Amino acid sequence: MEKVFEIYIRTTPERLWEAITDSETRSKFQFGNTIKSDWTPGSRFEMSHPNAGILGEGENLEVDPPRRLVQTMVALWGDDVKAEGTSRITWDIEPIGSDSCRLLVTHDQMRDGANDQLYGGWPMILSGLKTWLETGEV
């Protein structure tokens, strides 16, 4: 199964890349979750929350700043999502004009009928990302 999310954000590809990969910034638009990695191909990443511990982990398959990030992910916030196994998330950043970007997030390699907790939060996460980058507000 594949889910695709598209959003347009008034920002530069570099600022967008930084927001996706910087732990402090990421926490501002992803429910307070932080992300840790050295952002190299083949390296591990870990998503956690101060009150809940590790919520997800995976591998960075492709790291091409500020254009593309491809990651595997295993959700760990509950037994029902752990049972879903590994999925893949692809972040594609495309500059639009001189002051905006198109962000396409593809969450795939999920089984048909996968638990919607795996992908259901993307609209809120991406809306929060857009708000943060365009206004500085959470």
Foldseek 3Di string as FASTA:
>chain_A
DKDKDKDKAFADLQVLQCCVQAQVNLCQQPVNKGKDWPQDAQTKMFIAHPVQGTQKIWGFHDHDPSAKTKIKMQGDRDPLSNVQPIWMWMWGWDDDPDGMIMIMIMIDPTDVVRDCVVPVCVVSSVVSSRCCRPPVHD
